[in-house]
Full PDB file with SEQRES, HELIX, SHEET, SSBOND, CRYST1, ORIGX, SCALE, CONECT and MASTER records, all heavy atoms in Angstrom:
SEQRES   1 A   29  GLY VAL ALA TYR LEU ILE GLY GLU GLY VAL ALA LYS ASP          
SEQRES   2 A   29  LEU LYS VAL ALA THR ASN TRP PHE TYR LEU ALA ALA SER          
SEQRES   3 A   29  HIS GLY LYS                                                  
HELIX    1 AA1 VAL A    2  ILE A    6  1                                   5    
HELIX    2 AA2 LEU A   14  SER A   26  1                                  13    
CRYST1    1.000    1.000    1.000  90.00  90.00  90.00 P 1           1          
ORIGX1      1.000000  0.000000  0.000000        0.00000                         
ORIGX2      0.000000  1.000000  0.000000        0.00000                         
ORIGX3      0.000000  0.000000  1.000000        0.00000                         
SCALE1      1.000000  0.000000  0.000000        0.00000                         
SCALE2      0.000000  1.000000  0.000000        0.00000                         
SCALE3      0.000000  0.000000  1.000000        0.00000                         
ATOM      1  N   GLY A   1     106.069 150.290  50.486  1.00  0.00           N  
ATOM      2  CA  GLY A   1     105.076 149.691  51.374  1.00  0.00           C  
ATOM      3  C   GLY A   1     104.104 150.731  51.892  1.00  0.00           C  
ATOM      4  O   GLY A   1     102.883 150.516  51.902  1.00  0.00           O  
ATOM      5  N   VAL A   2     104.620 151.878  52.328  1.00  0.00           N  
ATOM      6  CA  VAL A   2     103.759 152.947  52.839  1.00  0.00           C  
ATOM      7  C   VAL A   2     102.808 153.437  51.748  1.00  0.00           C  
ATOM      8  O   VAL A   2     101.618 153.650  51.989  1.00  0.00           O  
ATOM      9  CB  VAL A   2     104.615 154.119  53.375  1.00  0.00           C  
ATOM     10  CG1 VAL A   2     103.732 155.313  53.730  1.00  0.00           C  
ATOM     11  CG2 VAL A   2     105.420 153.671  54.591  1.00  0.00           C  
ATOM     12  N   ALA A   3     103.349 153.602  50.519  1.00  0.00           N  
ATOM     13  CA  ALA A   3     102.523 154.097  49.414  1.00  0.00           C  
ATOM     14  C   ALA A   3     101.343 153.166  49.147  1.00  0.00           C  
ATOM     15  O   ALA A   3     100.199 153.615  48.992  1.00  0.00           O  
ATOM     16  CB  ALA A   3     103.379 154.253  48.156  1.00  0.00           C  
ATOM     17  N   TYR A   4     101.607 151.869  49.093  1.00  0.00           N  
ATOM     18  CA  TYR A   4     100.525 150.909  48.828  1.00  0.00           C  
ATOM     19  C   TYR A   4      99.597 150.763  50.036  1.00  0.00           C  
ATOM     20  O   TYR A   4      98.411 150.456  49.883  1.00  0.00           O  
ATOM     21  CB  TYR A   4     101.100 149.551  48.431  1.00  0.00           C  
ATOM     22  CG  TYR A   4     101.506 149.490  46.977  1.00  0.00           C  
ATOM     23  CD1 TYR A   4     102.826 149.622  46.589  1.00  0.00           C  
ATOM     24  CD2 TYR A   4     100.546 149.314  45.976  1.00  0.00           C  
ATOM     25  CE1 TYR A   4     103.199 149.575  45.246  1.00  0.00           C  
ATOM     26  CE2 TYR A   4     100.897 149.270  44.639  1.00  0.00           C  
ATOM     27  CZ  TYR A   4     102.226 149.399  44.278  1.00  0.00           C  
ATOM     28  OH  TYR A   4     102.585 149.362  42.950  1.00  0.00           O  
ATOM     29  N   LEU A   5     100.120 150.991  51.233  1.00  0.00           N  
ATOM     30  CA  LEU A   5      99.285 150.876  52.428  1.00  0.00           C  
ATOM     31  C   LEU A   5      98.250 151.992  52.492  1.00  0.00           C  
ATOM     32  O   LEU A   5      97.085 151.764  52.816  1.00  0.00           O  
ATOM     33  CB  LEU A   5     100.175 150.906  53.678  1.00  0.00           C  
ATOM     34  CG  LEU A   5      99.471 150.757  55.016  1.00  0.00           C  
ATOM     35  CD1 LEU A   5      98.863 149.366  55.146  1.00  0.00           C  
ATOM     36  CD2 LEU A   5     100.437 151.016  56.169  1.00  0.00           C  
ATOM     37  N   ILE A   6      98.676 153.231  52.155  1.00  0.00           N  
ATOM     38  CA  ILE A   6      97.757 154.368  52.282  1.00  0.00           C  
ATOM     39  C   ILE A   6      97.172 154.811  50.949  1.00  0.00           C  
ATOM     40  O   ILE A   6      96.331 155.700  50.904  1.00  0.00           O  
ATOM     41  CB  ILE A   6      98.463 155.561  52.966  1.00  0.00           C  
ATOM     42  CG1 ILE A   6      99.599 156.111  52.092  1.00  0.00           C  
ATOM     43  CG2 ILE A   6      98.990 155.168  54.328  1.00  0.00           C  
ATOM     44  CD1 ILE A   6     100.299 157.333  52.691  1.00  0.00           C  
ATOM     45  N   GLY A   7      97.656 154.190  49.831  1.00  0.00           N  
ATOM     46  CA  GLY A   7      97.123 154.553  48.518  1.00  0.00           C  
ATOM     47  C   GLY A   7      97.606 155.892  48.036  1.00  0.00           C  
ATOM     48  O   GLY A   7      96.830 156.686  47.480  1.00  0.00           O  
ATOM     49  N   GLU A   8      98.887 156.192  48.221  1.00  0.00           N  
ATOM     50  CA  GLU A   8      99.458 157.460  47.772  1.00  0.00           C  
ATOM     51  C   GLU A   8     100.298 157.227  46.519  1.00  0.00           C  
ATOM     52  O   GLU A   8     101.369 156.643  46.570  1.00  0.00           O  
ATOM     53  CB  GLU A   8     100.325 158.067  48.880  1.00  0.00           C  
ATOM     54  CG  GLU A   8     100.808 159.476  48.578  1.00  0.00           C  
ATOM     55  CD  GLU A   8     101.497 160.097  49.777  1.00  0.00           C  
ATOM     56  OE1 GLU A   8     102.641 159.696  50.074  1.00  0.00           O  
ATOM     57  OE2 GLU A   8     100.893 160.973  50.429  1.00  0.00           O  
ATOM     58  N   GLY A   9      99.772 157.666  45.374  1.00  0.00           N  
ATOM     59  CA  GLY A   9     100.469 157.466  44.099  1.00  0.00           C  
ATOM     60  C   GLY A   9     100.125 156.167  43.421  1.00  0.00           C  
ATOM     61  O   GLY A   9     100.436 155.955  42.250  1.00  0.00           O  
ATOM     62  N   VAL A  10      99.502 155.261  44.168  1.00  0.00           N  
ATOM     63  CA  VAL A  10      99.064 153.959  43.647  1.00  0.00           C  
ATOM     64  C   VAL A  10      97.769 153.595  44.353  1.00  0.00           C  
ATOM     65  O   VAL A  10      97.426 154.171  45.385  1.00  0.00           O  
ATOM     66  CB  VAL A  10     100.117 152.853  43.899  1.00  0.00           C  
ATOM     67  CG1 VAL A  10     101.335 153.014  43.011  1.00  0.00           C  
ATOM     68  CG2 VAL A  10     100.522 152.814  45.360  1.00  0.00           C  
ATOM     69  N   ALA A  11      97.059 152.616  43.804  1.00  0.00           N  
ATOM     70  CA  ALA A  11      95.847 152.145  44.464  1.00  0.00           C  
ATOM     71  C   ALA A  11      96.221 151.396  45.745  1.00  0.00           C  
ATOM     72  O   ALA A  11      97.241 150.704  45.793  1.00  0.00           O  
ATOM     73  CB  ALA A  11      95.064 151.220  43.531  1.00  0.00           C  
ATOM     74  N   LYS A  12      95.400 151.547  46.784  1.00  0.00           N  
ATOM     75  CA  LYS A  12      95.650 150.815  48.025  1.00  0.00           C  
ATOM     76  C   LYS A  12      95.682 149.318  47.748  1.00  0.00           C  
ATOM     77  O   LYS A  12      94.856 148.793  47.000  1.00  0.00           O  
ATOM     78  CB  LYS A  12      94.548 151.097  49.050  1.00  0.00           C  
ATOM     79  CG  LYS A  12      94.703 152.365  49.828  1.00  0.00           C  
ATOM     80  CD  LYS A  12      93.630 152.427  50.926  1.00  0.00           C  
ATOM     81  CE  LYS A  12      93.744 153.711  51.733  1.00  0.00           C  
ATOM     82  NZ  LYS A  12      92.754 153.759  52.814  1.00  0.00           N  
ATOM     83  N   ASP A  13      96.656 148.650  48.340  1.00  0.00           N  
ATOM     84  CA  ASP A  13      96.757 147.202  48.146  1.00  0.00           C  
ATOM     85  C   ASP A  13      97.538 146.640  49.334  1.00  0.00           C  
ATOM     86  O   ASP A  13      98.767 146.717  49.379  1.00  0.00           O  
ATOM     87  CB  ASP A  13      97.459 146.880  46.825  1.00  0.00           C  
ATOM     88  CG  ASP A  13      97.350 145.406  46.446  1.00  0.00           C  
ATOM     89  OD1 ASP A  13      97.453 144.560  47.355  1.00  0.00           O  
ATOM     90  OD2 ASP A  13      97.195 145.111  45.242  1.00  0.00           O  
ATOM     91  N   LEU A  14      96.814 146.082  50.302  1.00  0.00           N  
ATOM     92  CA  LEU A  14      97.447 145.590  51.523  1.00  0.00           C  
ATOM     93  C   LEU A  14      98.434 144.464  51.230  1.00  0.00           C  
ATOM     94  O   LEU A  14      99.512 144.397  51.850  1.00  0.00           O  
ATOM     95  CB  LEU A  14      96.382 145.106  52.510  1.00  0.00           C  
ATOM     96  CG  LEU A  14      96.900 144.598  53.858  1.00  0.00           C  
ATOM     97  CD1 LEU A  14      97.627 145.710  54.602  1.00  0.00           C  
ATOM     98  CD2 LEU A  14      95.744 144.057  54.704  1.00  0.00           C  
ATOM     99  N   LYS A  15      98.100 143.617  50.264  1.00  0.00           N  
ATOM    100  CA  LYS A  15      98.989 142.497  49.949  1.00  0.00           C  
ATOM    101  C   LYS A  15     100.321 142.994  49.383  1.00  0.00           C  
ATOM    102  O   LYS A  15     101.398 142.529  49.785  1.00  0.00           O  
ATOM    103  CB  LYS A  15      98.313 141.563  48.945  1.00  0.00           C  
ATOM    104  CG  LYS A  15      99.144 140.327  48.611  1.00  0.00           C  
ATOM    105  CD  LYS A  15      98.399 139.391  47.676  1.00  0.00           C  
ATOM    106  CE  LYS A  15      99.258 138.167  47.347  1.00  0.00           C  
ATOM    107  NZ  LYS A  15      98.554 137.259  46.413  1.00  0.00           N  
ATOM    108  N   VAL A  16     100.249 143.945  48.448  1.00  0.00           N  
ATOM    109  CA  VAL A  16     101.477 144.488  47.857  1.00  0.00           C  
ATOM    110  C   VAL A  16     102.270 145.246  48.921  1.00  0.00           C  
ATOM    111  O   VAL A  16     103.502 145.141  48.994  1.00  0.00           O  
ATOM    112  CB  VAL A  16     101.159 145.396  46.661  1.00  0.00           C  
ATOM    113  CG1 VAL A  16     102.432 146.050  46.120  1.00  0.00           C  
ATOM    114  CG2 VAL A  16     100.481 144.590  45.550  1.00  0.00           C  
ATOM    115  N   ALA A  17     101.563 146.016  49.743  1.00  0.00           N  
ATOM    116  CA  ALA A  17     102.240 146.747  50.826  1.00  0.00           C  
ATOM    117  C   ALA A  17     102.977 145.773  51.738  1.00  0.00           C  
ATOM    118  O   ALA A  17     104.139 145.999  52.105  1.00  0.00           O  
ATOM    119  CB  ALA A  17     101.222 147.545  51.630  1.00  0.00           C  
ATOM    120  N   THR A  18     102.311 144.669  52.073  1.00  0.00           N  
ATOM    121  CA  THR A  18     102.926 143.664  52.949  1.00  0.00           C  
ATOM    122  C   THR A  18     104.189 143.094  52.319  1.00  0.00           C  
ATOM    123  O   THR A  18     105.209 142.904  53.003  1.00  0.00           O  
ATOM    124  CB  THR A  18     101.918 142.534  53.233  1.00  0.00           C  
ATOM    125  OG1 THR A  18     100.764 143.089  53.873  1.00  0.00           O  
ATOM    126  CG2 THR A  18     102.528 141.478  54.138  1.00  0.00           C  
ATOM    127  N   ASN A  19     104.137 142.830  51.016  1.00  0.00           N  
ATOM    128  CA  ASN A  19     105.319 142.280  50.331  1.00  0.00           C  
ATOM    129  C   ASN A  19     106.502 143.245  50.388  1.00  0.00           C  
ATOM    130  O   ASN A  19     107.643 142.834  50.616  1.00  0.00           O  
ATOM    131  CB  ASN A  19     104.975 141.959  48.876  1.00  0.00           C  
ATOM    132  CG  ASN A  19     104.042 140.766  48.750  1.00  0.00           C  
ATOM    133  OD1 ASN A  19     103.944 139.956  49.671  1.00  0.00           O  
ATOM    134  ND2 ASN A  19     103.346 140.661  47.633  1.00  0.00           N  
ATOM    135  N   TRP A  20     106.228 144.540  50.169  1.00  0.00           N  
ATOM    136  CA  TRP A  20     107.318 145.525  50.229  1.00  0.00           C  
ATOM    137  C   TRP A  20     107.856 145.654  51.646  1.00  0.00           C  
ATOM    138  O   TRP A  20     109.071 145.725  51.863  1.00  0.00           O  
ATOM    139  CB  TRP A  20     106.839 146.881  49.715  1.00  0.00           C  
ATOM    140  CG  TRP A  20     106.824 146.994  48.222  1.00  0.00           C  
ATOM    141  CD1 TRP A  20     105.726 147.119  47.421  1.00  0.00           C  
ATOM    142  CD2 TRP A  20     107.958 146.991  47.345  1.00  0.00           C  
ATOM    143  NE1 TRP A  20     106.100 147.188  46.101  1.00  0.00           N  
ATOM    144  CE2 TRP A  20     107.465 147.117  46.023  1.00  0.00           C  
ATOM    145  CE3 TRP A  20     109.317 146.895  47.541  1.00  0.00           C  
ATOM    146  CZ2 TRP A  20     108.303 147.155  44.904  1.00  0.00           C  
ATOM    147  CZ3 TRP A  20     110.166 146.932  46.441  1.00  0.00           C  
ATOM    148  CH2 TRP A  20     109.654 147.053  45.151  1.00  0.00           C  
ATOM    149  N   PHE A  21     106.940 145.697  52.619  1.00  0.00           N  
ATOM    150  CA  PHE A  21     107.400 145.786  54.013  1.00  0.00           C  
ATOM    151  C   PHE A  21     108.244 144.563  54.377  1.00  0.00           C  
ATOM    152  O   PHE A  21     109.226 144.680  55.115  1.00  0.00           O  
ATOM    153  CB  PHE A  21     106.203 145.902  54.967  1.00  0.00           C  
ATOM    154  CG  PHE A  21     105.553 147.254  54.977  1.00  0.00           C  
ATOM    155  CD1 PHE A  21     104.170 147.381  55.005  1.00  0.00           C  
ATOM    156  CD2 PHE A  21     106.314 148.413  54.984  1.00  0.00           C  
ATOM    157  CE1 PHE A  21     103.560 148.627  55.031  1.00  0.00           C  
ATOM    158  CE2 PHE A  21     105.722 149.672  55.009  1.00  0.00           C  
ATOM    159  CZ  PHE A  21     104.341 149.771  55.029  1.00  0.00           C  
ATOM    160  N   TYR A  22     107.852 143.403  53.853  1.00  0.00           N  
ATOM    161  CA  TYR A  22     108.605 142.178  54.155  1.00  0.00           C  
ATOM    162  C   TYR A  22     110.050 142.296  53.665  1.00  0.00           C  
ATOM    163  O   TYR A  22     110.996 141.922  54.375  1.00  0.00           O  
ATOM    164  CB  TYR A  22     107.931 140.966  53.514  1.00  0.00           C  
ATOM    165  CG  TYR A  22     108.691 139.678  53.758  1.00  0.00           C  
ATOM    166  CD1 TYR A  22     108.568 139.001  54.969  1.00  0.00           C  
ATOM    167  CD2 TYR A  22     109.560 139.166  52.806  1.00  0.00           C  
ATOM    168  CE1 TYR A  22     109.289 137.842  55.225  1.00  0.00           C  
ATOM    169  CE2 TYR A  22     110.286 138.002  53.047  1.00  0.00           C  
ATOM    170  CZ  TYR A  22     110.146 137.351  54.251  1.00  0.00           C  
ATOM    171  OH  TYR A  22     110.866 136.210  54.497  1.00  0.00           O  
ATOM    172  N   LEU A  23     110.224 142.828  52.453  1.00  0.00           N  
ATOM    173  CA  LEU A  23     111.592 142.975  51.915  1.00  0.00           C  
ATOM    174  C   LEU A  23     112.425 143.886  52.813  1.00  0.00           C  
ATOM    175  O   LEU A  23     113.573 143.573  53.152  1.00  0.00           O  
ATOM    176  CB  LEU A  23     111.534 143.558  50.499  1.00  0.00           C  
ATOM    177  CG  LEU A  23     111.012 142.622  49.399  1.00  0.00           C  
ATOM    178  CD1 LEU A  23     110.859 143.382  48.086  1.00  0.00           C  
ATOM    179  CD2 LEU A  23     111.946 141.438  49.214  1.00  0.00           C  
ATOM    180  N   ALA A  24     111.857 145.030  53.187  1.00  0.00           N  
ATOM    181  CA  ALA A  24     112.606 145.966  54.024  1.00  0.00           C  
ATOM    182  C   ALA A  24     112.809 145.414  55.431  1.00  0.00           C  
ATOM    183  O   ALA A  24     113.890 145.550  56.017  1.00  0.00           O  
ATOM    184  CB  ALA A  24     111.876 147.307  54.085  1.00  0.00           C  
ATOM    185  N   ALA A  25     111.778 144.773  55.969  1.00  0.00           N  
ATOM    186  CA  ALA A  25     111.873 144.217  57.320  1.00  0.00           C  
ATOM    187  C   ALA A  25     112.916 143.120  57.394  1.00  0.00           C  
ATOM    188  O   ALA A  25     113.639 142.996  58.388  1.00  0.00           O  
ATOM    189  CB  ALA A  25     110.512 143.681  57.756  1.00  0.00           C  
ATOM    190  N   SER A  26     113.015 142.326  56.327  1.00  0.00           N  
ATOM    191  CA  SER A  26     113.983 141.235  56.299  1.00  0.00           C  
ATOM    192  C   SER A  26     115.414 141.743  56.311  1.00  0.00           C  
ATOM    193  O   SER A  26     116.343 140.997  56.632  1.00  0.00           O  
ATOM    194  CB  SER A  26     113.757 140.359  55.061  1.00  0.00           C  
ATOM    195  OG  SER A  26     112.483 139.760  55.110  1.00  0.00           O  
ATOM    196  N   HIS A  27     115.604 143.006  55.925  1.00  0.00           N  
ATOM    197  CA  HIS A  27     116.934 143.620  55.956  1.00  0.00           C  
ATOM    198  C   HIS A  27     117.123 144.471  57.209  1.00  0.00           C  
ATOM    199  O   HIS A  27     118.042 145.294  57.276  1.00  0.00           O  
ATOM    200  CB  HIS A  27     117.157 144.466  54.706  1.00  0.00           C  
ATOM    201  CG  HIS A  27     117.364 143.660  53.463  1.00  0.00           C  
ATOM    202  ND1 HIS A  27     116.330 143.321  52.606  1.00  0.00           N  
ATOM    203  CD2 HIS A  27     118.484 143.081  52.939  1.00  0.00           C  
ATOM    204  CE1 HIS A  27     116.809 142.600  51.614  1.00  0.00           C  
ATOM    205  NE2 HIS A  27     118.098 142.429  51.790  1.00  0.00           N  
ATOM    206  N   GLY A  28     116.240 144.295  58.194  1.00  0.00           N  
ATOM    207  CA  GLY A  28     116.435 144.950  59.474  1.00  0.00           C  
ATOM    208  C   GLY A  28     115.830 146.328  59.612  1.00  0.00           C  
ATOM    209  O   GLY A  28     116.104 147.017  60.608  1.00  0.00           O  
ATOM    210  N   LYS A  29     115.014 146.769  58.656  1.00  0.00           N  
ATOM    211  CA  LYS A  29     114.377 148.073  58.762  1.00  0.00           C  
ATOM    212  C   LYS A  29     113.294 148.007  59.834  1.00  0.00           C  
ATOM    213  O   LYS A  29     112.237 147.393  59.648  1.00  0.00           O  
ATOM    214  CB  LYS A  29     113.785 148.480  57.411  1.00  0.00           C  
ATOM    215  CG  LYS A  29     112.979 149.772  57.415  1.00  0.00           C  
ATOM    216  CD  LYS A  29     113.872 150.978  57.531  1.00  0.00           C  
ATOM    217  CE  LYS A  29     113.050 152.260  57.421  1.00  0.00           C  
ATOM    218  NZ  LYS A  29     113.860 153.454  57.641  1.00  0.00           N  
TER     219      LYS A  29                                                      
MASTER        0    0    0    2    0    0    0    6  218    1    0    3          
END                                                                             
């Protein structure tokens, strides 16, 4: 999520970042 949010190693993509954060957040991160 952080990588896609700031564009580190991949192109910035808020939607993809949100999806990754959702997976981690759903597990209590």
